[in-house]
N, C-alpha and C. Protein backbone atom coordinates (compact mmCIF):
# COMPACT_ATOMS: atom_id res chain seq x y z
N MET A 1 0.82 -1.19 -0.01
CA MET A 1 -0.01 -0.01 0.00
C MET A 1 0.87 1.27 0.01
N THR A 2 1.93 1.29 0.79
CA THR A 2 2.80 2.44 0.86
C THR A 2 3.50 2.67 -0.46
N THR A 3 3.95 1.61 -1.12
CA THR A 3 4.62 1.72 -2.42
C THR A 3 3.69 2.34 -3.45
N ILE A 4 2.46 1.92 -3.45
CA ILE A 4 1.48 2.46 -4.40
C ILE A 4 1.27 3.96 -4.17
N ARG A 5 1.15 4.30 -2.89
CA ARG A 5 0.96 5.72 -2.54
C ARG A 5 2.16 6.57 -2.96
N ARG A 6 3.35 6.09 -2.69
CA ARG A 6 4.57 6.82 -3.05
C ARG A 6 4.63 6.99 -4.56
N ARG A 7 4.33 5.94 -5.30
CA ARG A 7 4.37 6.00 -6.76
C ARG A 7 3.34 7.03 -7.27
N ALA A 8 2.16 7.03 -6.68
CA ALA A 8 1.11 7.95 -7.10
C ALA A 8 1.55 9.39 -6.84
N VAL A 9 2.15 9.65 -5.69
CA VAL A 9 2.60 11.00 -5.36
C VAL A 9 3.73 11.41 -6.29
N ARG A 10 4.64 10.47 -6.56
CA ARG A 10 5.79 10.76 -7.43
C ARG A 10 5.31 11.08 -8.87
N ASN A 11 4.33 10.33 -9.35
CA ASN A 11 3.80 10.56 -10.70
C ASN A 11 3.03 11.88 -10.79
N ARG A 12 2.34 12.24 -9.72
CA ARG A 12 1.55 13.46 -9.73
C ARG A 12 2.46 14.68 -9.85
N HIS A 13 3.65 14.61 -9.30
CA HIS A 13 4.57 15.74 -9.31
C HIS A 13 5.64 15.62 -10.38
N ASN A 14 5.49 14.66 -11.27
CA ASN A 14 6.46 14.42 -12.31
C ASN A 14 6.31 15.48 -13.41
N PRO A 15 7.34 16.33 -13.61
CA PRO A 15 7.24 17.38 -14.63
C PRO A 15 7.04 16.85 -16.03
N ARG A 16 7.64 15.68 -16.34
CA ARG A 16 7.47 15.11 -17.68
C ARG A 16 6.01 14.73 -17.91
N ARG A 17 5.39 14.20 -16.89
CA ARG A 17 3.98 13.79 -17.03
C ARG A 17 3.09 15.04 -17.25
N LYS A 18 3.39 16.12 -16.54
CA LYS A 18 2.66 17.37 -16.72
C LYS A 18 2.87 17.93 -18.15
N LYS A 19 4.12 17.83 -18.62
CA LYS A 19 4.43 18.30 -19.98
C LYS A 19 3.67 17.46 -21.03
N ASP A 20 3.67 16.13 -20.83
CA ASP A 20 2.94 15.26 -21.76
C ASP A 20 1.46 15.58 -21.77
N HIS A 21 0.90 15.85 -20.59
CA HIS A 21 -0.52 16.22 -20.51
C HIS A 21 -0.78 17.52 -21.25
N ALA A 22 0.12 18.50 -21.04
CA ALA A 22 -0.04 19.79 -21.69
C ALA A 22 0.07 19.64 -23.21
N MET A 23 1.00 18.82 -23.68
CA MET A 23 1.15 18.59 -25.12
C MET A 23 -0.09 17.92 -25.70
N THR A 24 -0.64 16.94 -24.98
CA THR A 24 -1.83 16.24 -25.45
C THR A 24 -3.01 17.22 -25.52
N THR A 25 -3.17 18.05 -24.49
CA THR A 25 -4.23 19.04 -24.47
C THR A 25 -4.07 20.01 -25.64
N MET A 26 -2.86 20.48 -25.86
CA MET A 26 -2.62 21.43 -26.96
C MET A 26 -2.88 20.74 -28.32
N LYS A 27 -2.43 19.50 -28.47
CA LYS A 27 -2.68 18.78 -29.73
C LYS A 27 -4.16 18.64 -30.01
N ARG A 28 -4.93 18.33 -28.97
CA ARG A 28 -6.38 18.19 -29.15
C ARG A 28 -7.00 19.53 -29.59
N PHE A 29 -6.55 20.61 -28.93
CA PHE A 29 -7.05 21.94 -29.26
C PHE A 29 -6.74 22.29 -30.71
N ILE A 30 -5.50 22.05 -31.12
CA ILE A 30 -5.09 22.35 -32.51
C ILE A 30 -5.84 21.49 -33.52
N ASP A 31 -5.97 20.18 -33.21
CA ASP A 31 -6.71 19.29 -34.12
C ASP A 31 -8.15 19.77 -34.30
N LYS A 32 -8.78 20.18 -33.21
CA LYS A 32 -10.15 20.67 -33.27
C LYS A 32 -10.24 21.95 -34.08
N LEU A 33 -9.30 22.88 -33.85
CA LEU A 33 -9.24 24.12 -34.60
C LEU A 33 -9.04 23.88 -36.09
N MET A 34 -8.13 22.99 -36.43
CA MET A 34 -7.84 22.71 -37.85
C MET A 34 -9.06 22.12 -38.55
N LYS A 35 -9.83 21.29 -37.85
CA LYS A 35 -11.04 20.72 -38.44
C LYS A 35 -12.09 21.78 -38.70
N GLN A 36 -12.12 22.84 -37.88
CA GLN A 36 -13.09 23.93 -38.05
C GLN A 36 -12.70 24.87 -39.19
N MET A 37 -11.41 24.92 -39.54
CA MET A 37 -10.94 25.87 -40.54
C MET A 37 -11.27 25.42 -41.96
N THR A 38 -11.65 26.40 -42.78
CA THR A 38 -11.84 26.13 -44.20
C THR A 38 -10.44 26.10 -44.86
N LEU A 39 -10.41 25.59 -46.09
CA LEU A 39 -9.13 25.59 -46.82
C LEU A 39 -8.62 27.00 -46.99
N ALA A 40 -9.49 27.96 -47.29
CA ALA A 40 -9.09 29.35 -47.45
C ALA A 40 -8.51 29.91 -46.17
N GLU A 41 -9.06 29.54 -45.00
CA GLU A 41 -8.51 30.03 -43.72
C GLU A 41 -7.16 29.40 -43.45
N LYS A 42 -6.98 28.14 -43.79
CA LYS A 42 -5.67 27.48 -43.61
C LYS A 42 -4.61 28.15 -44.46
N ILE A 43 -4.96 28.42 -45.71
CA ILE A 43 -4.03 29.11 -46.60
C ILE A 43 -3.79 30.52 -46.09
N GLY A 44 -4.83 31.17 -45.59
CA GLY A 44 -4.74 32.52 -45.06
C GLY A 44 -3.73 32.62 -43.91
N GLN A 45 -3.58 31.56 -43.15
CA GLN A 45 -2.60 31.60 -42.03
C GLN A 45 -1.18 31.73 -42.54
N LEU A 46 -0.96 31.41 -43.81
CA LEU A 46 0.37 31.53 -44.41
C LEU A 46 0.63 32.92 -44.99
N ASN A 47 -0.38 33.75 -45.01
CA ASN A 47 -0.29 35.11 -45.62
C ASN A 47 0.27 36.12 -44.62
N LEU A 48 1.32 36.81 -45.00
CA LEU A 48 1.91 37.89 -44.22
C LEU A 48 1.74 39.15 -45.05
N LEU A 49 0.82 40.02 -44.66
CA LEU A 49 0.46 41.20 -45.46
C LEU A 49 1.20 42.44 -44.99
N THR A 50 1.43 43.33 -45.95
CA THR A 50 1.90 44.69 -45.66
C THR A 50 0.72 45.62 -45.93
N PRO A 51 0.22 46.31 -44.91
CA PRO A 51 -0.96 47.15 -45.13
C PRO A 51 -0.64 48.43 -45.92
N GLY A 52 -1.60 48.95 -46.61
CA GLY A 52 -1.46 50.21 -47.31
C GLY A 52 -1.38 51.36 -46.35
N GLY A 53 -0.67 52.40 -46.73
CA GLY A 53 -0.63 53.61 -45.90
C GLY A 53 0.51 53.62 -44.89
N ASN A 54 0.78 52.50 -44.25
CA ASN A 54 1.80 52.46 -43.21
C ASN A 54 3.00 51.59 -43.60
N ALA A 55 3.10 51.23 -44.86
CA ALA A 55 4.20 50.36 -45.28
C ALA A 55 5.52 51.07 -45.07
N VAL A 56 6.43 50.40 -44.41
CA VAL A 56 7.74 50.98 -44.16
C VAL A 56 8.79 50.33 -45.03
N THR A 57 8.46 49.27 -45.70
CA THR A 57 9.45 48.60 -46.57
C THR A 57 8.72 47.82 -47.64
N GLY A 58 9.38 47.59 -48.74
CA GLY A 58 8.81 46.77 -49.82
C GLY A 58 7.90 47.56 -50.73
N SER A 59 7.69 47.00 -51.90
CA SER A 59 6.89 47.71 -52.92
C SER A 59 5.46 47.15 -53.02
N VAL A 60 5.23 45.94 -52.53
CA VAL A 60 3.90 45.34 -52.60
C VAL A 60 3.09 45.75 -51.40
N VAL A 61 1.99 46.44 -51.63
CA VAL A 61 1.10 46.87 -50.58
C VAL A 61 -0.27 46.28 -50.82
N ASN A 62 -0.91 45.76 -49.76
CA ASN A 62 -2.23 45.13 -49.90
C ASN A 62 -3.32 46.11 -49.58
N ASP A 63 -4.45 45.93 -50.29
CA ASP A 63 -5.62 46.71 -49.97
C ASP A 63 -6.69 45.81 -49.33
N ASN A 64 -7.72 46.40 -48.82
CA ASN A 64 -8.78 45.69 -48.11
C ASN A 64 -8.24 44.77 -47.04
N VAL A 65 -7.24 45.22 -46.30
CA VAL A 65 -6.62 44.42 -45.27
C VAL A 65 -7.63 44.05 -44.20
N GLU A 66 -8.46 45.02 -43.76
CA GLU A 66 -9.42 44.74 -42.70
C GLU A 66 -10.42 43.66 -43.12
N GLY A 67 -10.87 43.71 -44.37
CA GLY A 67 -11.79 42.69 -44.87
C GLY A 67 -11.15 41.32 -44.87
N LYS A 68 -9.90 41.25 -45.25
CA LYS A 68 -9.15 40.00 -45.29
C LYS A 68 -8.96 39.45 -43.85
N ILE A 69 -8.71 40.34 -42.90
CA ILE A 69 -8.57 39.92 -41.51
C ILE A 69 -9.90 39.36 -41.02
N ARG A 70 -10.99 40.05 -41.27
CA ARG A 70 -12.32 39.58 -40.83
C ARG A 70 -12.66 38.21 -41.41
N ASP A 71 -12.23 37.98 -42.64
CA ASP A 71 -12.50 36.71 -43.34
C ASP A 71 -11.53 35.60 -42.97
N GLY A 72 -10.57 35.90 -42.09
CA GLY A 72 -9.60 34.90 -41.65
C GLY A 72 -8.59 34.53 -42.73
N LEU A 73 -8.29 35.48 -43.61
CA LEU A 73 -7.39 35.23 -44.72
C LEU A 73 -5.99 35.80 -44.51
N VAL A 74 -5.68 36.15 -43.26
CA VAL A 74 -4.40 36.75 -42.91
C VAL A 74 -3.85 36.03 -41.68
N GLY A 75 -2.56 35.65 -41.73
CA GLY A 75 -1.91 35.03 -40.57
C GLY A 75 -1.03 36.00 -39.82
N GLY A 76 -0.58 37.06 -40.52
CA GLY A 76 0.31 38.01 -39.88
C GLY A 76 0.40 39.31 -40.69
N MET A 77 1.02 40.28 -40.08
CA MET A 77 1.19 41.59 -40.68
C MET A 77 2.68 41.99 -40.57
N PHE A 78 3.12 42.74 -41.57
CA PHE A 78 4.48 43.20 -41.58
C PHE A 78 4.47 44.70 -41.90
N GLY A 79 5.25 45.48 -41.15
CA GLY A 79 5.31 46.92 -41.43
C GLY A 79 4.09 47.68 -41.00
N THR A 80 3.55 47.39 -39.84
CA THR A 80 2.31 48.04 -39.40
C THR A 80 2.55 49.39 -38.72
N GLY A 81 3.80 49.72 -38.47
CA GLY A 81 4.07 51.00 -37.85
C GLY A 81 4.01 50.91 -36.32
N PRO A 82 3.52 52.00 -35.65
CA PRO A 82 3.60 52.05 -34.20
C PRO A 82 2.68 51.03 -33.49
N LEU A 83 2.94 50.88 -32.20
CA LEU A 83 2.21 49.92 -31.36
C LEU A 83 0.70 50.14 -31.43
N GLU A 84 0.27 51.37 -31.51
CA GLU A 84 -1.20 51.64 -31.55
C GLU A 84 -1.83 50.97 -32.74
N ASN A 85 -1.15 50.91 -33.88
CA ASN A 85 -1.65 50.21 -35.05
C ASN A 85 -1.75 48.71 -34.80
N ILE A 86 -0.73 48.16 -34.18
CA ILE A 86 -0.72 46.73 -33.90
C ILE A 86 -1.89 46.37 -33.00
N ILE A 87 -2.10 47.16 -31.96
CA ILE A 87 -3.21 46.89 -31.01
C ILE A 87 -4.54 46.97 -31.75
N ARG A 88 -4.73 47.99 -32.58
CA ARG A 88 -6.00 48.14 -33.31
C ARG A 88 -6.23 46.96 -34.25
N ILE A 89 -5.18 46.55 -34.97
CA ILE A 89 -5.34 45.43 -35.91
C ILE A 89 -5.59 44.12 -35.17
N GLN A 90 -4.88 43.90 -34.08
CA GLN A 90 -5.08 42.67 -33.30
C GLN A 90 -6.51 42.62 -32.72
N GLU A 91 -6.99 43.75 -32.21
CA GLU A 91 -8.35 43.79 -31.69
C GLU A 91 -9.38 43.50 -32.80
N LEU A 92 -9.12 43.98 -33.97
CA LEU A 92 -9.99 43.71 -35.12
C LEU A 92 -10.02 42.20 -35.39
N ALA A 93 -8.86 41.57 -35.42
CA ALA A 93 -8.77 40.14 -35.68
C ALA A 93 -9.48 39.33 -34.61
N MET A 94 -9.30 39.72 -33.36
CA MET A 94 -9.86 38.94 -32.25
C MET A 94 -11.37 39.19 -32.07
N SER A 95 -11.86 40.32 -32.56
CA SER A 95 -13.29 40.58 -32.36
C SER A 95 -14.16 40.29 -33.57
N THR A 96 -13.56 40.24 -34.76
CA THR A 96 -14.40 40.06 -35.95
C THR A 96 -14.15 38.78 -36.74
N SER A 97 -13.00 38.17 -36.60
CA SER A 97 -12.75 36.94 -37.38
C SER A 97 -13.51 35.78 -36.75
N ARG A 98 -13.85 34.81 -37.57
CA ARG A 98 -14.69 33.68 -37.16
C ARG A 98 -14.04 32.85 -36.06
N LEU A 99 -12.76 32.53 -36.19
CA LEU A 99 -12.11 31.62 -35.24
C LEU A 99 -11.26 32.32 -34.21
N LYS A 100 -11.15 33.63 -34.25
CA LYS A 100 -10.42 34.44 -33.26
C LYS A 100 -8.95 34.01 -33.12
N ILE A 101 -8.30 33.74 -34.23
CA ILE A 101 -6.89 33.35 -34.19
C ILE A 101 -6.05 34.65 -34.18
N PRO A 102 -5.18 34.86 -33.20
CA PRO A 102 -4.40 36.07 -33.13
C PRO A 102 -3.42 36.17 -34.33
N LEU A 103 -3.13 37.38 -34.75
CA LEU A 103 -2.19 37.59 -35.82
C LEU A 103 -0.77 37.63 -35.28
N ILE A 104 0.19 37.34 -36.14
CA ILE A 104 1.60 37.48 -35.81
C ILE A 104 2.07 38.75 -36.48
N PHE A 105 2.88 39.56 -35.79
CA PHE A 105 3.36 40.83 -36.32
C PHE A 105 4.87 40.77 -36.48
N GLY A 106 5.35 41.28 -37.61
CA GLY A 106 6.80 41.29 -37.84
C GLY A 106 7.30 42.68 -38.20
N SER A 107 8.54 42.94 -37.87
CA SER A 107 9.17 44.21 -38.20
C SER A 107 10.58 43.91 -38.71
N ASP A 108 11.03 44.65 -39.68
CA ASP A 108 12.37 44.48 -40.23
C ASP A 108 13.30 45.41 -39.48
N VAL A 109 14.05 44.88 -38.56
CA VAL A 109 15.00 45.70 -37.79
C VAL A 109 16.41 45.13 -37.96
N ILE A 110 16.67 44.62 -39.13
CA ILE A 110 17.95 43.94 -39.38
C ILE A 110 19.16 44.85 -39.18
N HIS A 111 19.02 46.12 -39.43
CA HIS A 111 20.14 47.05 -39.18
C HIS A 111 19.63 48.35 -38.59
N GLY A 112 18.74 48.21 -37.61
CA GLY A 112 18.24 49.37 -36.89
C GLY A 112 16.75 49.54 -37.09
N HIS A 113 16.21 50.42 -36.26
CA HIS A 113 14.79 50.70 -36.36
C HIS A 113 14.64 52.21 -36.56
N LYS A 114 14.78 52.98 -35.50
CA LYS A 114 14.79 54.44 -35.67
C LYS A 114 16.22 54.91 -35.98
N THR A 115 17.17 54.32 -35.28
CA THR A 115 18.57 54.60 -35.56
C THR A 115 19.03 53.56 -36.56
N ILE A 116 19.58 53.97 -37.67
CA ILE A 116 20.01 53.05 -38.72
C ILE A 116 21.50 52.77 -38.56
N PHE A 117 21.85 51.49 -38.48
CA PHE A 117 23.23 51.03 -38.38
C PHE A 117 23.65 50.38 -39.67
N PRO A 118 24.93 50.15 -39.85
CA PRO A 118 25.39 49.42 -41.04
C PRO A 118 24.74 48.02 -41.06
N ILE A 119 24.63 47.42 -42.24
CA ILE A 119 24.04 46.10 -42.34
C ILE A 119 24.92 45.10 -41.60
N PRO A 120 24.36 43.98 -41.14
CA PRO A 120 25.15 43.02 -40.37
C PRO A 120 26.45 42.55 -41.02
N LEU A 121 26.44 42.39 -42.34
CA LEU A 121 27.66 41.98 -43.03
C LEU A 121 28.77 43.03 -42.84
N ALA A 122 28.41 44.30 -42.93
CA ALA A 122 29.39 45.37 -42.73
C ALA A 122 29.85 45.40 -41.26
N MET A 123 28.89 45.23 -40.34
CA MET A 123 29.24 45.24 -38.92
C MET A 123 30.22 44.12 -38.58
N SER A 124 30.02 42.96 -39.24
CA SER A 124 30.91 41.81 -38.95
C SER A 124 32.33 42.10 -39.33
N CYS A 125 32.54 42.95 -40.30
CA CYS A 125 33.90 43.29 -40.74
C CYS A 125 34.68 44.10 -39.69
N SER A 126 33.96 44.65 -38.76
CA SER A 126 34.61 45.42 -37.69
C SER A 126 35.28 44.52 -36.67
N TRP A 127 34.80 43.28 -36.57
CA TRP A 127 35.27 42.30 -35.55
C TRP A 127 35.08 42.85 -34.12
N ASP A 128 34.25 43.84 -33.97
CA ASP A 128 34.00 44.44 -32.66
C ASP A 128 32.68 43.88 -32.09
N MET A 129 32.74 42.78 -31.39
CA MET A 129 31.54 42.08 -30.91
C MET A 129 30.75 42.95 -29.92
N ALA A 130 31.42 43.73 -29.12
CA ALA A 130 30.69 44.61 -28.21
C ALA A 130 29.89 45.66 -28.97
N LEU A 131 30.46 46.23 -29.99
CA LEU A 131 29.76 47.23 -30.82
C LEU A 131 28.57 46.57 -31.55
N ILE A 132 28.79 45.38 -32.09
CA ILE A 132 27.72 44.65 -32.80
C ILE A 132 26.56 44.38 -31.84
N GLU A 133 26.87 43.91 -30.65
CA GLU A 133 25.82 43.61 -29.65
C GLU A 133 25.11 44.90 -29.24
N LYS A 134 25.88 45.95 -29.04
CA LYS A 134 25.25 47.24 -28.61
C LYS A 134 24.28 47.76 -29.69
N SER A 135 24.68 47.70 -30.94
CA SER A 135 23.77 48.19 -32.00
C SER A 135 22.52 47.31 -32.11
N ALA A 136 22.67 46.01 -31.96
CA ALA A 136 21.50 45.10 -31.99
C ALA A 136 20.58 45.39 -30.80
N ARG A 137 21.16 45.65 -29.66
CA ARG A 137 20.34 45.94 -28.46
C ARG A 137 19.57 47.24 -28.63
N ILE A 138 20.23 48.26 -29.19
CA ILE A 138 19.56 49.53 -29.42
C ILE A 138 18.40 49.34 -30.39
N ALA A 139 18.63 48.60 -31.46
CA ALA A 139 17.55 48.34 -32.44
C ALA A 139 16.38 47.58 -31.79
N ALA A 140 16.68 46.60 -30.98
CA ALA A 140 15.62 45.83 -30.33
C ALA A 140 14.81 46.72 -29.37
N ILE A 141 15.47 47.57 -28.62
CA ILE A 141 14.79 48.46 -27.69
C ILE A 141 13.92 49.45 -28.45
N GLU A 142 14.45 50.02 -29.51
CA GLU A 142 13.67 50.98 -30.31
C GLU A 142 12.46 50.34 -30.98
N ALA A 143 12.58 49.05 -31.32
CA ALA A 143 11.48 48.38 -32.03
C ALA A 143 10.39 47.86 -31.10
N THR A 144 10.62 47.87 -29.78
CA THR A 144 9.63 47.35 -28.88
C THR A 144 8.95 48.44 -28.07
């Protein structure tokens, strides 16, 4: 009886068992969500759009972005500008899209955000690791 109790207590506190349970729960959630999605919504999750008006990079700009978000045809946004825009777009996705899947947002800060630094290839030629790290840290802080 004592051995069974000890084993039960040990299994209850086993981090691997908790992780396995969490993975199973997540897999079930994802499987259920995927079954609810239309083919267009699944393909839409692969779309990373650049909205019109606030595009900071690239030449291809999308129109009717809000309609595409409402229809679940967008998985993420790139070049949305300030945080206020990101919040507004995310709230639109979470309040109007059928499955309420959050969007992923990306920004190109490869060589700075507000402060522009040399491209990484040029920075590497300096062999100054402290300077390279400092410029990357500045860009990350400015972008968040």
